[in-house]
PDB file of N, CA and C in Angstrom:
ATOM      1  N   MET A   1       7.231  15.542   9.927  1.00  0.00           N
ATOM      2  CA  MET A   1       6.646  15.672   8.630  1.00  0.00           C
ATOM      3  C   MET A   1       5.133  15.760   8.795  1.00  0.00           C
ATOM      4  N   THR A   2       4.536  16.690   8.071  1.00  0.00           N
ATOM      5  CA  THR A   2       3.088  16.879   8.091  1.00  0.00           C
ATOM      6  C   THR A   2       2.521  16.435   6.753  1.00  0.00           C
ATOM      7  N   VAL A   3       1.470  15.663   6.807  1.00  0.00           N
ATOM      8  CA  VAL A   3       0.797  15.204   5.592  1.00  0.00           C
ATOM      9  C   VAL A   3      -0.556  15.888   5.534  1.00  0.00           C
ATOM     10  N   THR A   4      -0.826  16.502   4.403  1.00  0.00           N
ATOM     11  CA  THR A   4      -2.100  17.179   4.205  1.00  0.00           C
ATOM     12  C   THR A   4      -2.894  16.421   3.149  1.00  0.00           C
ATOM     13  N   SER A   5      -4.106  16.079   3.476  1.00  0.00           N
ATOM     14  CA  SER A   5      -4.971  15.383   2.551  1.00  0.00           C
ATOM     15  C   SER A   5      -5.744  16.408   1.727  1.00  0.00           C
ATOM     16  N   VAL A   6      -5.719  16.227   0.418  1.00  0.00           N
ATOM     17  CA  VAL A   6      -6.443  17.129  -0.475  1.00  0.00           C
ATOM     18  C   VAL A   6      -7.394  16.288  -1.318  1.00  0.00           C
ATOM     19  N   ARG A   7      -8.643  16.648  -1.290  1.00  0.00           N
ATOM     20  CA  ARG A   7      -9.639  15.930  -2.091  1.00  0.00           C
ATOM     21  C   ARG A   7      -9.851  16.694  -3.386  1.00  0.00           C
ATOM     22  N   MET A   8      -9.685  15.997  -4.503  1.00  0.00           N
ATOM     23  CA  MET A   8      -9.883  16.623  -5.803  1.00  0.00           C
ATOM     24  C   MET A   8     -10.903  15.813  -6.583  1.00  0.00           C
ATOM     25  N   SER A   9     -11.750  16.511  -7.254  1.00  0.00           N
ATOM     26  CA  SER A   9     -12.746  15.863  -8.099  1.00  0.00           C
ATOM     27  C   SER A   9     -12.201  15.742  -9.510  1.00  0.00           C
ATOM     28  N   ALA A  10     -12.663  14.741 -10.196  1.00  0.00           N
ATOM     29  CA  ALA A  10     -12.291  14.595 -11.600  1.00  0.00           C
ATOM     30  C   ALA A  10     -12.986  15.673 -12.411  1.00  0.00           C
ATOM     31  N   PRO A  11     -12.367  16.080 -13.517  1.00  0.00           N
ATOM     32  CA  PRO A  11     -13.041  17.058 -14.384  1.00  0.00           C
ATOM     33  C   PRO A  11     -14.385  16.497 -14.860  1.00  0.00           C
ATOM     34  N   ALA A  12     -15.335  17.368 -15.049  1.00  0.00           N
ATOM     35  CA  ALA A  12     -16.666  16.964 -15.501  1.00  0.00           C
ATOM     36  C   ALA A  12     -16.859  17.365 -16.957  1.00  0.00           C
ATOM     37  N   THR A  13     -17.254  16.418 -17.798  1.00  0.00           N
ATOM     38  CA  THR A  13     -17.508  16.724 -19.206  1.00  0.00           C
ATOM     39  C   THR A  13     -18.771  17.568 -19.307  1.00  0.00           C
ATOM     40  N   VAL A  14     -18.636  18.732 -19.936  1.00  0.00           N
ATOM     41  CA  VAL A  14     -19.777  19.636 -20.066  1.00  0.00           C
ATOM     42  C   VAL A  14     -20.324  19.697 -21.491  1.00  0.00           C
ATOM     43  N   ALA A  15     -19.547  19.174 -22.464  1.00  0.00           N
ATOM     44  CA  ALA A  15     -20.019  19.160 -23.847  1.00  0.00           C
ATOM     45  C   ALA A  15     -19.206  18.143 -24.640  1.00  0.00           C
ATOM     46  N   SER A  16     -19.821  17.636 -25.687  1.00  0.00           N
ATOM     47  CA  SER A  16     -19.167  16.727 -26.617  1.00  0.00           C
ATOM     48  C   SER A  16     -19.504  17.211 -28.020  1.00  0.00           C
ATOM     49  N   LEU A  17     -18.490  17.608 -28.765  1.00  0.00           N
ATOM     50  CA  LEU A  17     -18.702  18.159 -30.102  1.00  0.00           C
ATOM     51  C   LEU A  17     -18.238  17.145 -31.146  1.00  0.00           C
ATOM     52  N   PRO A  18     -19.104  16.745 -32.086  1.00  0.00           N
ATOM     53  CA  PRO A  18     -18.700  15.767 -33.095  1.00  0.00           C
ATOM     54  C   PRO A  18     -17.730  16.371 -34.107  1.00  0.00           C
ATOM     55  N   THR A  19     -16.781  15.525 -34.572  1.00  0.00           N
ATOM     56  CA  THR A  19     -15.875  15.952 -35.638  1.00  0.00           C
ATOM     57  C   THR A  19     -16.393  15.412 -36.965  1.00  0.00           C
ATOM     58  N   ARG A  20     -15.799  15.845 -38.059  1.00  0.00           N
ATOM     59  CA  ARG A  20     -16.222  15.396 -39.385  1.00  0.00           C
ATOM     60  C   ARG A  20     -15.967  13.905 -39.594  1.00  0.00           C
ATOM     61  N   ALA A  21     -15.003  13.341 -38.869  1.00  0.00           N
ATOM     62  CA  ALA A  21     -14.634  11.939 -39.062  1.00  0.00           C
ATOM     63  C   ALA A  21     -15.294  10.999 -38.058  1.00  0.00           C
ATOM     64  N   GLY A  22     -16.224  11.516 -37.244  1.00  0.00           N
ATOM     65  CA  GLY A  22     -16.942  10.666 -36.315  1.00  0.00           C
ATOM     66  C   GLY A  22     -16.342  10.584 -34.922  1.00  0.00           C
ATOM     67  N   ALA A  23     -15.268  11.309 -34.669  1.00  0.00           N
ATOM     68  CA  ALA A  23     -14.696  11.372 -33.323  1.00  0.00           C
ATOM     69  C   ALA A  23     -15.456  12.452 -32.551  1.00  0.00           C
ATOM     70  N   ALA A  24     -14.927  12.836 -31.400  1.00  0.00           N
ATOM     71  CA  ALA A  24     -15.573  13.878 -30.600  1.00  0.00           C
ATOM     72  C   ALA A  24     -14.513  14.708 -29.891  1.00  0.00           C
ATOM     73  N   VAL A  25     -14.805  15.984 -29.716  1.00  0.00           N
ATOM     74  CA  VAL A  25     -13.991  16.850 -28.877  1.00  0.00           C
ATOM     75  C   VAL A  25     -14.769  17.005 -27.575  1.00  0.00           C
ATOM     76  N   LEU A  26     -14.192  16.497 -26.497  1.00  0.00           N
ATOM     77  CA  LEU A  26     -14.836  16.552 -25.191  1.00  0.00           C
ATOM     78  C   LEU A  26     -14.368  17.787 -24.447  1.00  0.00           C
ATOM     79  N   ILE A  27     -15.302  18.577 -23.959  1.00  0.00           N
ATOM     80  CA  ILE A  27     -14.968  19.777 -23.183  1.00  0.00           C
ATOM     81  C   ILE A  27     -15.237  19.460 -21.721  1.00  0.00           C
ATOM     82  N   ASP A  28     -14.203  19.621 -20.909  1.00  0.00           N
ATOM     83  CA  ASP A  28     -14.314  19.347 -19.472  1.00  0.00           C
ATOM     84  C   ASP A  28     -14.160  20.628 -18.671  1.00  0.00           C
ATOM     85  N   ARG A  29     -14.901  20.709 -17.564  1.00  0.00           N
ATOM     86  CA  ARG A  29     -14.715  21.799 -16.604  1.00  0.00           C
ATOM     87  C   ARG A  29     -13.875  21.228 -15.477  1.00  0.00           C
ATOM     88  N   ASP A  30     -12.687  21.797 -15.313  1.00  0.00           N
ATOM     89  CA  ASP A  30     -11.764  21.338 -14.290  1.00  0.00           C
ATOM     90  C   ASP A  30     -12.187  21.858 -12.921  1.00  0.00           C
ATOM     91  N   THR A  31     -11.591  21.319 -11.881  1.00  0.00           N
ATOM     92  CA  THR A  31     -11.988  21.666 -10.518  1.00  0.00           C
ATOM     93  C   THR A  31     -11.783  23.143 -10.205  1.00  0.00           C
ATOM     94  N   ASP A  32     -10.880  23.804 -10.928  1.00  0.00           N
ATOM     95  CA  ASP A  32     -10.665  25.235 -10.687  1.00  0.00           C
ATOM     96  C   ASP A  32     -11.585  26.115 -11.526  1.00  0.00           C
ATOM     97  N   GLY A  33     -12.498  25.495 -12.279  1.00  0.00           N
ATOM     98  CA  GLY A  33     -13.441  26.249 -13.092  1.00  0.00           C
ATOM     99  C   GLY A  33     -12.993  26.486 -14.517  1.00  0.00           C
ATOM    100  N   SER A  34     -11.739  26.186 -14.827  1.00  0.00           N
ATOM    101  CA  SER A  34     -11.250  26.381 -16.185  1.00  0.00           C
ATOM    102  C   SER A  34     -11.740  25.253 -17.087  1.00  0.00           C
ATOM    103  N   LEU A  35     -11.646  25.453 -18.389  1.00  0.00           N
ATOM    104  CA  LEU A  35     -12.064  24.454 -19.358  1.00  0.00           C
ATOM    105  C   LEU A  35     -10.843  23.818 -20.007  1.00  0.00           C
ATOM    106  N   SER A  36     -10.975  22.557 -20.351  1.00  0.00           N
ATOM    107  CA  SER A  36      -9.966  21.875 -21.143  1.00  0.00           C
ATOM    108  C   SER A  36     -10.708  21.061 -22.190  1.00  0.00           C
ATOM    109  N   SER A  37     -10.001  20.653 -23.229  1.00  0.00           N
ATOM    110  CA  SER A  37     -10.643  19.830 -24.253  1.00  0.00           C
ATOM    111  C   SER A  37      -9.673  18.752 -24.705  1.00  0.00           C
ATOM    112  N   VAL A  38     -10.246  17.629 -25.136  1.00  0.00           N
ATOM    113  CA  VAL A  38      -9.447  16.538 -25.689  1.00  0.00           C
ATOM    114  C   VAL A  38     -10.226  15.945 -26.863  1.00  0.00           C
ATOM    115  N   CYS A  39      -9.494  15.634 -27.932  1.00  0.00           N
ATOM    116  CA  CYS A  39     -10.099  15.078 -29.135  1.00  0.00           C
ATOM    117  C   CYS A  39      -9.913  13.560 -29.116  1.00  0.00           C
ATOM    118  N   THR A  40     -11.009  12.813 -29.316  1.00  0.00           N
ATOM    119  CA  THR A  40     -10.918  11.363 -29.327  1.00  0.00           C
ATOM    120  C   THR A  40     -10.413  10.836 -30.666  1.00  0.00           C
ATOM    121  N   GLY A  41     -10.197  11.730 -31.628  1.00  0.00           N
ATOM    122  CA  GLY A  41      -9.640  11.338 -32.914  1.00  0.00           C
ATOM    123  C   GLY A  41      -8.128  11.474 -32.917  1.00  0.00           C
ATOM    124  N   CYS A  42      -7.639  12.699 -32.931  1.00  0.00           N
ATOM    125  CA  CYS A  42      -6.193  12.925 -33.028  1.00  0.00           C
ATOM    126  C   CYS A  42      -5.500  12.959 -31.675  1.00  0.00           C
ATOM    127  N   GLY A  43      -6.266  13.051 -30.597  1.00  0.00           N
ATOM    128  CA  GLY A  43      -5.675  13.052 -29.269  1.00  0.00           C
ATOM    129  C   GLY A  43      -5.261  14.416 -28.766  1.00  0.00           C
ATOM    130  N   GLU A  44      -5.523  15.477 -29.541  1.00  0.00           N
ATOM    131  CA  GLU A  44      -5.114  16.811 -29.103  1.00  0.00           C
ATOM    132  C   GLU A  44      -5.768  17.158 -27.764  1.00  0.00           C
ATOM    133  N   TYR A  45      -4.942  17.595 -26.829  1.00  0.00           N
ATOM    134  CA  TYR A  45      -5.412  18.061 -25.528  1.00  0.00           C
ATOM    135  C   TYR A  45      -5.119  19.545 -25.443  1.00  0.00           C
ATOM    136  N   ALA A  46      -6.068  20.320 -24.995  1.00  0.00           N
ATOM    137  CA  ALA A  46      -5.848  21.763 -24.871  1.00  0.00           C
ATOM    138  C   ALA A  46      -6.315  22.234 -23.512  1.00  0.00           C
ATOM    139  N   TRP A  47      -5.478  22.979 -22.865  1.00  0.00           N
ATOM    140  CA  TRP A  47      -5.857  23.669 -21.626  1.00  0.00           C
ATOM    141  C   TRP A  47      -5.117  24.984 -21.608  1.00  0.00           C
ATOM    142  N   THR A  48      -5.851  26.027 -21.682  1.00  0.00           N
ATOM    143  CA  THR A  48      -5.307  27.373 -21.515  1.00  0.00           C
ATOM    144  C   THR A  48      -6.416  28.185 -20.874  1.00  0.00           C
ATOM    145  N   LEU A  49      -6.095  29.363 -20.478  1.00  0.00           N
ATOM    146  CA  LEU A  49      -7.129  30.230 -19.927  1.00  0.00           C
ATOM    147  C   LEU A  49      -8.112  30.668 -20.997  1.00  0.00           C
ATOM    148  N   ARG A  50      -7.767  30.414 -22.270  1.00  0.00           N
ATOM    149  CA  ARG A  50      -8.624  30.852 -23.371  1.00  0.00           C
ATOM    150  C   ARG A  50      -9.437  29.732 -24.002  1.00  0.00           C
ATOM    151  N   VAL A  51      -9.412  28.534 -23.426  1.00  0.00           N
ATOM    152  CA  VAL A  51     -10.231  27.465 -23.988  1.00  0.00           C
ATOM    153  C   VAL A  51     -11.699  27.825 -23.779  1.00  0.00           C
ATOM    154  N   THR A  52     -12.420  27.870 -24.863  1.00  0.00           N
ATOM    155  CA  THR A  52     -13.853  28.148 -24.833  1.00  0.00           C
ATOM    156  C   THR A  52     -14.547  27.123 -25.718  1.00  0.00           C
ATOM    157  N   ARG A  53     -15.853  27.111 -25.704  1.00  0.00           N
ATOM    158  CA  ARG A  53     -16.591  26.219 -26.601  1.00  0.00           C
ATOM    159  C   ARG A  53     -16.229  26.521 -28.058  1.00  0.00           C
ATOM    160  N   ALA A  54     -16.054  27.796 -28.403  1.00  0.00           N
ATOM    161  CA  ALA A  54     -15.694  28.163 -29.775  1.00  0.00           C
ATOM    162  C   ALA A  54     -14.318  27.607 -30.149  1.00  0.00           C
ATOM    163  N   PHE A  55     -13.378  27.627 -29.211  1.00  0.00           N
ATOM    164  CA  PHE A  55     -12.047  27.072 -29.438  1.00  0.00           C
ATOM    165  C   PHE A  55     -12.159  25.579 -29.764  1.00  0.00           C
ATOM    166  N   ALA A  56     -12.929  24.858 -28.964  1.00  0.00           N
ATOM    167  CA  ALA A  56     -13.108  23.425 -29.183  1.00  0.00           C
ATOM    168  C   ALA A  56     -13.872  23.163 -30.476  1.00  0.00           C
ATOM    169  N   GLN A  57     -14.864  23.996 -30.794  1.00  0.00           N
ATOM    170  CA  GLN A  57     -15.646  23.824 -32.019  1.00  0.00           C
ATOM    171  C   GLN A  57     -14.760  23.987 -33.244  1.00  0.00           C
ATOM    172  N   GLU A  58     -13.813  24.914 -33.196  1.00  0.00           N
ATOM    173  CA  GLU A  58     -12.887  25.110 -34.318  1.00  0.00           C
ATOM    174  C   GLU A  58     -12.100  23.832 -34.580  1.00  0.00           C
ATOM    175  N   HIS A  59     -11.641  23.178 -33.516  1.00  0.00           N
ATOM    176  CA  HIS A  59     -10.919  21.921 -33.706  1.00  0.00           C
ATOM    177  C   HIS A  59     -11.854  20.844 -34.245  1.00  0.00           C
ATOM    178  N   ALA A  60     -13.057  20.750 -33.705  1.00  0.00           N
ATOM    179  CA  ALA A  60     -14.021  19.747 -34.165  1.00  0.00           C
ATOM    180  C   ALA A  60     -14.340  19.924 -35.652  1.00  0.00           C
ATOM    181  N   ASP A  61     -14.385  21.159 -36.105  1.00  0.00           N
ATOM    182  CA  ASP A  61     -14.697  21.448 -37.506  1.00  0.00           C
ATOM    183  C   ASP A  61     -13.571  21.054 -38.457  1.00  0.00           C
ATOM    184  N   THR A  62     -12.346  20.979 -37.962  1.00  0.00           N
ATOM    185  CA  THR A  62     -11.202  20.740 -38.847  1.00  0.00           C
ATOM    186  C   THR A  62     -10.538  19.379 -38.676  1.00  0.00           C
ATOM    187  N   CYS A  63     -10.799  18.671 -37.595  1.00  0.00           N
ATOM    188  CA  CYS A  63     -10.134  17.390 -37.353  1.00  0.00           C
ATOM    189  C   CYS A  63     -10.717  16.319 -38.281  1.00  0.00           C
ATOM    190  N   ILE A  64      -9.857  15.600 -38.971  1.00  0.00           N
ATOM    191  CA  ILE A  64     -10.319  14.565 -39.903  1.00  0.00           C
ATOM    192  C   ILE A  64      -9.858  13.164 -39.482  1.00  0.00           C
ATOM    193  N   ARG A  65      -9.360  13.016 -38.256  1.00  0.00           N
ATOM    194  CA  ARG A  65      -8.938  11.699 -37.776  1.00  0.00           C
ATOM    195  C   ARG A  65     -10.127  10.970 -37.173  1.00  0.00           C
ATOM    196  N   PRO A  66     -10.315   9.703 -37.545  1.00  0.00           N
ATOM    197  CA  PRO A  66     -11.420   8.923 -36.969  1.00  0.00           C
ATOM    198  C   PRO A  66     -11.146   8.616 -35.499  1.00  0.00           C
ATOM    199  N   PRO A  67     -12.151   8.166 -34.770  1.00  0.00           N
ATOM    200  CA  PRO A  67     -11.947   7.838 -33.350  1.00  0.00           C
ATOM    201  C   PRO A  67     -10.850   6.783 -33.199  1.00  0.00           C
ATOM    202  N   ARG A  68     -10.029   6.966 -32.173  1.00  0.00           N
ATOM    203  CA  ARG A  68      -8.971   5.988 -31.903  1.00  0.00           C
ATOM    204  C   ARG A  68      -9.571   4.786 -31.188  1.00  0.00           C
ATOM    205  N   ALA A  69      -8.992   3.635 -31.424  1.00  0.00           N
ATOM    206  CA  ALA A  69      -9.450   2.416 -30.757  1.00  0.00           C
ATOM    207  C   ALA A  69      -9.175   2.506 -29.274  1.00  0.00           C
ATOM    208  N   ALA A  70     -10.102   2.023 -28.475  1.00  0.00           N
ATOM    209  CA  ALA A  70      -9.945   2.080 -27.021  1.00  0.00           C
ATOM    210  C   ALA A  70      -8.986   1.052 -26.505  1.00  0.00           C
TER     211      ALA A  70
END
């Protein structure tokens, strides 16, 4: 059996967009260069090849859930 060690970095937050209810949509750049987003209000997570800042901004503009308790 061969074991291969792979080093992966955690996604880096590149933007935080406020929602109307005081939560935030965090945009992360993943290790492969793609973007993902997660909302700290409703918990929506999005990762597709089409996630862009505009995609995340649309969610931030419409989400009305307050920040979830940590």
